[in-house]
Amino acid sequence: MFHSFAELTAGKMALFISHRFSTARSADRIIDLENGKIAEEGSPHQLASLGGRYAEMFKMQSSDDC
């Protein structure tokens, strides 16, 4: 499904909503919402480097996947 999504949206803007951080890693830009407001915004690498809410939740989810 993700391969097809990438092919269909190549060169276009697409909005992908996910609660799985492993899925969000393929995004160019992530907007993390909390209570309807932007909590953090950036690339997956930028947000992971900040050590904020996104990084904390990503770490929590990846430890659950083991």
PDB file of N, CA and C in Angstrom:
ATOM      1  N   MET A   1       0.821  -1.189   0.000  1.00  0.00           N
ATOM      2  CA  MET A   1       0.000   0.000   0.000  1.00  0.00           C
ATOM      3  C   MET A   1       0.872   1.263   0.000  1.00  0.00           C
ATOM      4  N   PHE A   2       1.936   1.278   0.822  1.00  0.00           N
ATOM      5  CA  PHE A   2       2.775   2.470   0.908  1.00  0.00           C
ATOM      6  C   PHE A   2       3.538   2.721  -0.383  1.00  0.00           C
ATOM      7  N   HIS A   3       3.939   1.647  -1.057  1.00  0.00           N
ATOM      8  CA  HIS A   3       4.625   1.798  -2.339  1.00  0.00           C
ATOM      9  C   HIS A   3       3.678   2.427  -3.365  1.00  0.00           C
ATOM     10  N   SER A   4       2.444   1.954  -3.418  1.00  0.00           N
ATOM     11  CA  SER A   4       1.440   2.508  -4.342  1.00  0.00           C
ATOM     12  C   SER A   4       1.153   3.965  -4.013  1.00  0.00           C
ATOM     13  N   PHE A   5       1.053   4.284  -2.729  1.00  0.00           N
ATOM     14  CA  PHE A   5       0.803   5.659  -2.298  1.00  0.00           C
ATOM     15  C   PHE A   5       1.942   6.562  -2.777  1.00  0.00           C
ATOM     16  N   ALA A   6       3.179   6.103  -2.608  1.00  0.00           N
ATOM     17  CA  ALA A   6       4.339   6.887  -3.035  1.00  0.00           C
ATOM     18  C   ALA A   6       4.327   7.101  -4.545  1.00  0.00           C
ATOM     19  N   GLU A   7       3.984   6.082  -5.297  1.00  0.00           N
ATOM     20  CA  GLU A   7       3.918   6.215  -6.756  1.00  0.00           C
ATOM     21  C   GLU A   7       2.817   7.179  -7.193  1.00  0.00           C
ATOM     22  N   LEU A   8       1.654   7.059  -6.589  1.00  0.00           N
ATOM     23  CA  LEU A   8       0.516   7.903  -6.962  1.00  0.00           C
ATOM     24  C   LEU A   8       0.719   9.374  -6.603  1.00  0.00           C
ATOM     25  N   THR A   9       1.512   9.631  -5.576  1.00  0.00           N
ATOM     26  CA  THR A   9       1.680  11.008  -5.101  1.00  0.00           C
ATOM     27  C   THR A   9       3.021  11.619  -5.489  1.00  0.00           C
ATOM     28  N   ALA A  10       3.817  10.912  -6.272  1.00  0.00           N
ATOM     29  CA  ALA A  10       5.127  11.433  -6.688  1.00  0.00           C
ATOM     30  C   ALA A  10       4.958  12.786  -7.376  1.00  0.00           C
ATOM     31  N   GLY A  11       5.689  13.773  -6.904  1.00  0.00           N
ATOM     32  CA  GLY A  11       5.631  15.111  -7.484  1.00  0.00           C
ATOM     33  C   GLY A  11       4.402  15.905  -7.083  1.00  0.00           C
ATOM     34  N   LYS A  12       3.621  15.382  -6.142  1.00  0.00           N
ATOM     35  CA  LYS A  12       2.389  16.047  -5.701  1.00  0.00           C
ATOM     36  C   LYS A  12       2.409  16.215  -4.188  1.00  0.00           C
ATOM     37  N   MET A  13       1.554  17.082  -3.721  1.00  0.00           N
ATOM     38  CA  MET A  13       1.370  17.219  -2.285  1.00  0.00           C
ATOM     39  C   MET A  13       0.279  16.245  -1.859  1.00  0.00           C
ATOM     40  N   ALA A  14       0.527  15.531  -0.779  1.00  0.00           N
ATOM     41  CA  ALA A  14      -0.455  14.578  -0.266  1.00  0.00           C
ATOM     42  C   ALA A  14      -0.496  14.679   1.255  1.00  0.00           C
ATOM     43  N   LEU A  15      -1.649  14.464   1.794  1.00  0.00           N
ATOM     44  CA  LEU A  15      -1.832  14.468   3.242  1.00  0.00           C
ATOM     45  C   LEU A  15      -2.074  13.037   3.675  1.00  0.00           C
ATOM     46  N   PHE A  16      -1.263  12.578   4.615  1.00  0.00           N
ATOM     47  CA  PHE A  16      -1.358  11.208   5.114  1.00  0.00           C
ATOM     48  C   PHE A  16      -1.472  11.293   6.626  1.00  0.00           C
ATOM     49  N   ILE A  17      -2.542  10.786   7.172  1.00  0.00           N
ATOM     50  CA  ILE A  17      -2.758  10.835   8.620  1.00  0.00           C
ATOM     51  C   ILE A  17      -2.472   9.453   9.190  1.00  0.00           C
ATOM     52  N   SER A  18      -1.610   9.410  10.214  1.00  0.00           N
ATOM     53  CA  SER A  18      -1.239   8.131  10.801  1.00  0.00           C
ATOM     54  C   SER A  18      -0.950   8.292  12.289  1.00  0.00           C
ATOM     55  N   HIS A  19      -1.254   7.256  13.020  1.00  0.00           N
ATOM     56  CA  HIS A  19      -0.887   7.202  14.433  1.00  0.00           C
ATOM     57  C   HIS A  19       0.340   6.321  14.641  1.00  0.00           C
ATOM     58  N   ARG A  20       0.827   5.726  13.541  1.00  0.00           N
ATOM     59  CA  ARG A  20       2.002   4.859  13.607  1.00  0.00           C
ATOM     60  C   ARG A  20       3.228   5.667  13.181  1.00  0.00           C
ATOM     61  N   PHE A  21       4.167   5.812  14.080  1.00  0.00           N
ATOM     62  CA  PHE A  21       5.351   6.612  13.795  1.00  0.00           C
ATOM     63  C   PHE A  21       6.273   5.944  12.785  1.00  0.00           C
ATOM     64  N   SER A  22       6.247   4.621  12.700  1.00  0.00           N
ATOM     65  CA  SER A  22       7.055   3.936  11.689  1.00  0.00           C
ATOM     66  C   SER A  22       6.566   4.313  10.285  1.00  0.00           C
ATOM     67  N   THR A  23       5.275   4.568  10.129  1.00  0.00           N
ATOM     68  CA  THR A  23       4.715   5.006   8.854  1.00  0.00           C
ATOM     69  C   THR A  23       5.103   6.459   8.569  1.00  0.00           C
ATOM     70  N   ALA A  24       5.081   7.281   9.577  1.00  0.00           N
ATOM     71  CA  ALA A  24       5.362   8.713   9.418  1.00  0.00           C
ATOM     72  C   ALA A  24       6.818   8.981   9.032  1.00  0.00           C
ATOM     73  N   ARG A  25       7.710   8.046   9.280  1.00  0.00           N
ATOM     74  CA  ARG A  25       9.132   8.246   8.953  1.00  0.00           C
ATOM     75  C   ARG A  25       9.367   8.509   7.480  1.00  0.00           C
ATOM     76  N   SER A  26       8.466   8.052   6.615  1.00  0.00           N
ATOM     77  CA  SER A  26       8.662   8.248   5.178  1.00  0.00           C
ATOM     78  C   SER A  26       8.189   9.629   4.707  1.00  0.00           C
ATOM     79  N   ALA A  27       7.626  10.406   5.591  1.00  0.00           N
ATOM     80  CA  ALA A  27       7.115  11.732   5.226  1.00  0.00           C
ATOM     81  C   ALA A  27       8.251  12.745   5.077  1.00  0.00           C
ATOM     82  N   ASP A  28       8.044  13.730   4.228  1.00  0.00           N
ATOM     83  CA  ASP A  28       8.994  14.837   4.111  1.00  0.00           C
ATOM     84  C   ASP A  28       8.842  15.784   5.297  1.00  0.00           C
ATOM     85  N   ARG A  29       7.610  15.921   5.756  1.00  0.00           N
ATOM     86  CA  ARG A  29       7.302  16.865   6.832  1.00  0.00           C
ATOM     87  C   ARG A  29       6.215  16.272   7.715  1.00  0.00           C
ATOM     88  N   ILE A  30       6.399  16.390   9.005  1.00  0.00           N
ATOM     89  CA  ILE A  30       5.427  15.885   9.976  1.00  0.00           C
ATOM     90  C   ILE A  30       4.892  17.065  10.777  1.00  0.00           C
ATOM     91  N   ILE A  31       3.593  17.058  10.969  1.00  0.00           N
ATOM     92  CA  ILE A  31       2.963  18.041  11.847  1.00  0.00           C
ATOM     93  C   ILE A  31       2.307  17.250  12.960  1.00  0.00           C
ATOM     94  N   ASP A  32       2.799  17.434  14.163  1.00  0.00           N
ATOM     95  CA  ASP A  32       2.295  16.739  15.341  1.00  0.00           C
ATOM     96  C   ASP A  32       1.264  17.644  16.026  1.00  0.00           C
ATOM     97  N   LEU A  33       0.034  17.152  16.098  1.00  0.00           N
ATOM     98  CA  LEU A  33      -1.040  17.933  16.701  1.00  0.00           C
ATOM     99  C   LEU A  33      -1.328  17.462  18.127  1.00  0.00           C
ATOM    100  N   GLU A  34      -1.579  18.416  19.000  1.00  0.00           N
ATOM    101  CA  GLU A  34      -1.980  18.118  20.371  1.00  0.00           C
ATOM    102  C   GLU A  34      -3.111  19.076  20.724  1.00  0.00           C
ATOM    103  N   ASN A  35      -4.262  18.511  21.046  1.00  0.00           N
ATOM    104  CA  ASN A  35      -5.448  19.313  21.366  1.00  0.00           C
ATOM    105  C   ASN A  35      -5.787  20.309  20.257  1.00  0.00           C
ATOM    106  N   GLY A  36      -5.636  19.864  19.003  1.00  0.00           N
ATOM    107  CA  GLY A  36      -6.001  20.697  17.865  1.00  0.00           C
ATOM    108  C   GLY A  36      -5.001  21.775  17.497  1.00  0.00           C
ATOM    109  N   LYS A  37      -3.843  21.800  18.160  1.00  0.00           N
ATOM    110  CA  LYS A  37      -2.820  22.807  17.875  1.00  0.00           C
ATOM    111  C   LYS A  37      -1.514  22.119  17.507  1.00  0.00           C
ATOM    112  N   ILE A  38      -0.705  22.808  16.720  1.00  0.00           N
ATOM    113  CA  ILE A  38       0.579  22.242  16.310  1.00  0.00           C
ATOM    114  C   ILE A  38       1.517  22.220  17.512  1.00  0.00           C
ATOM    115  N   ALA A  39       1.954  21.010  17.871  1.00  0.00           N
ATOM    116  CA  ALA A  39       2.900  20.842  18.977  1.00  0.00           C
ATOM    117  C   ALA A  39       4.335  20.878  18.450  1.00  0.00           C
ATOM    118  N   GLU A  40       4.575  20.218  17.308  1.00  0.00           N
ATOM    119  CA  GLU A  40       5.888  20.194  16.679  1.00  0.00           C
ATOM    120  C   GLU A  40       5.702  20.054  15.175  1.00  0.00           C
ATOM    121  N   GLU A  41       6.691  20.548  14.439  1.00  0.00           N
ATOM    122  CA  GLU A  41       6.629  20.473  12.978  1.00  0.00           C
ATOM    123  C   GLU A  41       8.041  20.361  12.433  1.00  0.00           C
ATOM    124  N   GLY A  42       8.246  19.455  11.480  1.00  0.00           N
ATOM    125  CA  GLY A  42       9.554  19.313  10.848  1.00  0.00           C
ATOM    126  C   GLY A  42       9.682  17.971  10.169  1.00  0.00           C
ATOM    127  N   SER A  43      10.877  17.674   9.699  1.00  0.00           N
ATOM    128  CA  SER A  43      11.137  16.367   9.086  1.00  0.00           C
ATOM    129  C   SER A  43      11.243  15.328  10.202  1.00  0.00           C
ATOM    130  N   PRO A  44      11.095  14.052   9.878  1.00  0.00           N
ATOM    131  CA  PRO A  44      11.257  13.026  10.912  1.00  0.00           C
ATOM    132  C   PRO A  44      12.607  13.140  11.623  1.00  0.00           C
ATOM    133  N   HIS A  45      13.664  13.411  10.860  1.00  0.00           N
ATOM    134  CA  HIS A  45      15.000  13.543  11.454  1.00  0.00           C
ATOM    135  C   HIS A  45      15.078  14.740  12.409  1.00  0.00           C
ATOM    136  N   GLN A  46      14.525  15.872  11.982  1.00  0.00           N
ATOM    137  CA  GLN A  46      14.544  17.066  12.835  1.00  0.00           C
ATOM    138  C   GLN A  46      13.794  16.815  14.136  1.00  0.00           C
ATOM    139  N   LEU A  47      12.609  16.228  14.028  1.00  0.00           N
ATOM    140  CA  LEU A  47      11.808  16.006  15.225  1.00  0.00           C
ATOM    141  C   LEU A  47      12.447  14.990  16.162  1.00  0.00           C
ATOM    142  N   ALA A  48      13.078  13.970  15.604  1.00  0.00           N
ATOM    143  CA  ALA A  48      13.769  12.987  16.441  1.00  0.00           C
ATOM    144  C   ALA A  48      14.950  13.641  17.160  1.00  0.00           C
ATOM    145  N   SER A  49      15.628  14.561  16.482  1.00  0.00           N
ATOM    146  CA  SER A  49      16.787  15.237  17.070  1.00  0.00           C
ATOM    147  C   SER A  49      16.408  16.203  18.188  1.00  0.00           C
ATOM    148  N   LEU A  50      15.187  16.748  18.119  1.00  0.00           N
ATOM    149  CA  LEU A  50      14.747  17.698  19.139  1.00  0.00           C
ATOM    150  C   LEU A  50      14.572  17.051  20.510  1.00  0.00           C
ATOM    151  N   GLY A  51      14.269  15.764  20.510  1.00  0.00           N
ATOM    152  CA  GLY A  51      14.059  15.069  21.779  1.00  0.00           C
ATOM    153  C   GLY A  51      12.760  15.469  22.465  1.00  0.00           C
ATOM    154  N   GLY A  52      11.825  16.015  21.705  1.00  0.00           N
ATOM    155  CA  GLY A  52      10.551  16.468  22.270  1.00  0.00           C
ATOM    156  C   GLY A  52       9.479  15.394  22.240  1.00  0.00           C
ATOM    157  N   ARG A  53       8.261  15.834  22.087  1.00  0.00           N
ATOM    158  CA  ARG A  53       7.088  14.964  22.122  1.00  0.00           C
ATOM    159  C   ARG A  53       7.123  13.879  21.042  1.00  0.00           C
ATOM    160  N   TYR A  54       7.442  14.259  19.809  1.00  0.00           N
ATOM    161  CA  TYR A  54       7.512  13.282  18.714  1.00  0.00           C
ATOM    162  C   TYR A  54       8.559  12.214  19.026  1.00  0.00           C
ATOM    163  N   ALA A  55       9.750  12.639  19.415  1.00  0.00           N
ATOM    164  CA  ALA A  55      10.843  11.698  19.699  1.00  0.00           C
ATOM    165  C   ALA A  55      10.463  10.745  20.823  1.00  0.00           C
ATOM    166  N   GLU A  56       9.832  11.271  21.849  1.00  0.00           N
ATOM    167  CA  GLU A  56       9.420  10.455  22.988  1.00  0.00           C
ATOM    168  C   GLU A  56       8.376   9.413  22.571  1.00  0.00           C
ATOM    169  N   MET A  57       7.384   9.840  21.809  1.00  0.00           N
ATOM    170  CA  MET A  57       6.333   8.912  21.384  1.00  0.00           C
ATOM    171  C   MET A  57       6.873   7.904  20.367  1.00  0.00           C
ATOM    172  N   PHE A  58       7.783   8.332  19.495  1.00  0.00           N
ATOM    173  CA  PHE A  58       8.386   7.403  18.541  1.00  0.00           C
ATOM    174  C   PHE A  58       9.146   6.312  19.284  1.00  0.00           C
ATOM    175  N   LYS A  59       9.914   6.718  20.270  1.00  0.00           N
ATOM    176  CA  LYS A  59      10.689   5.758  21.067  1.00  0.00           C
ATOM    177  C   LYS A  59       9.761   4.776  21.788  1.00  0.00           C
ATOM    178  N   MET A  60       8.673   5.289  22.339  1.00  0.00           N
ATOM    179  CA  MET A  60       7.711   4.443  23.047  1.00  0.00           C
ATOM    180  C   MET A  60       7.087   3.422  22.097  1.00  0.00           C
ATOM    181  N   GLN A  61       6.674   3.874  20.912  1.00  0.00           N
ATOM    182  CA  GLN A  61       6.050   2.965  19.948  1.00  0.00           C
ATOM    183  C   GLN A  61       7.038   1.941  19.429  1.00  0.00           C
ATOM    184  N   SER A  62       8.264   2.335  19.181  1.00  0.00           N
ATOM    185  CA  SER A  62       9.230   1.376  18.646  1.00  0.00           C
ATOM    186  C   SER A  62       9.609   0.317  19.682  1.00  0.00           C
ATOM    187  N   SER A  63       9.558   0.656  20.949  1.00  0.00           N
ATOM    188  CA  SER A  63       9.841  -0.345  21.979  1.00  0.00           C
ATOM    189  C   SER A  63       8.666  -1.308  22.124  1.00  0.00           C
ATOM    190  N   ASP A  64       7.452  -0.864  21.807  1.00  0.00           N
ATOM    191  CA  ASP A  64       6.260  -1.731  21.843  1.00  0.00           C
ATOM    192  C   ASP A  64       6.273  -2.732  20.702  1.00  0.00           C
ATOM    193  N   ASP A  65       6.935  -2.383  19.585  1.00  0.00           N
ATOM    194  CA  ASP A  65       6.977  -3.248  18.406  1.00  0.00           C
ATOM    195  C   ASP A  65       7.890  -4.459  18.590  1.00  0.00           C
ATOM    196  N   CYS A  66       8.750  -4.424  19.568  1.00  0.00           N
ATOM    197  CA  CYS A  66       9.701  -5.524  19.787  1.00  0.00           C
ATOM    198  C   CYS A  66       9.027  -6.764  20.321  1.00  0.00           C
TER     199      CYS A  66
END
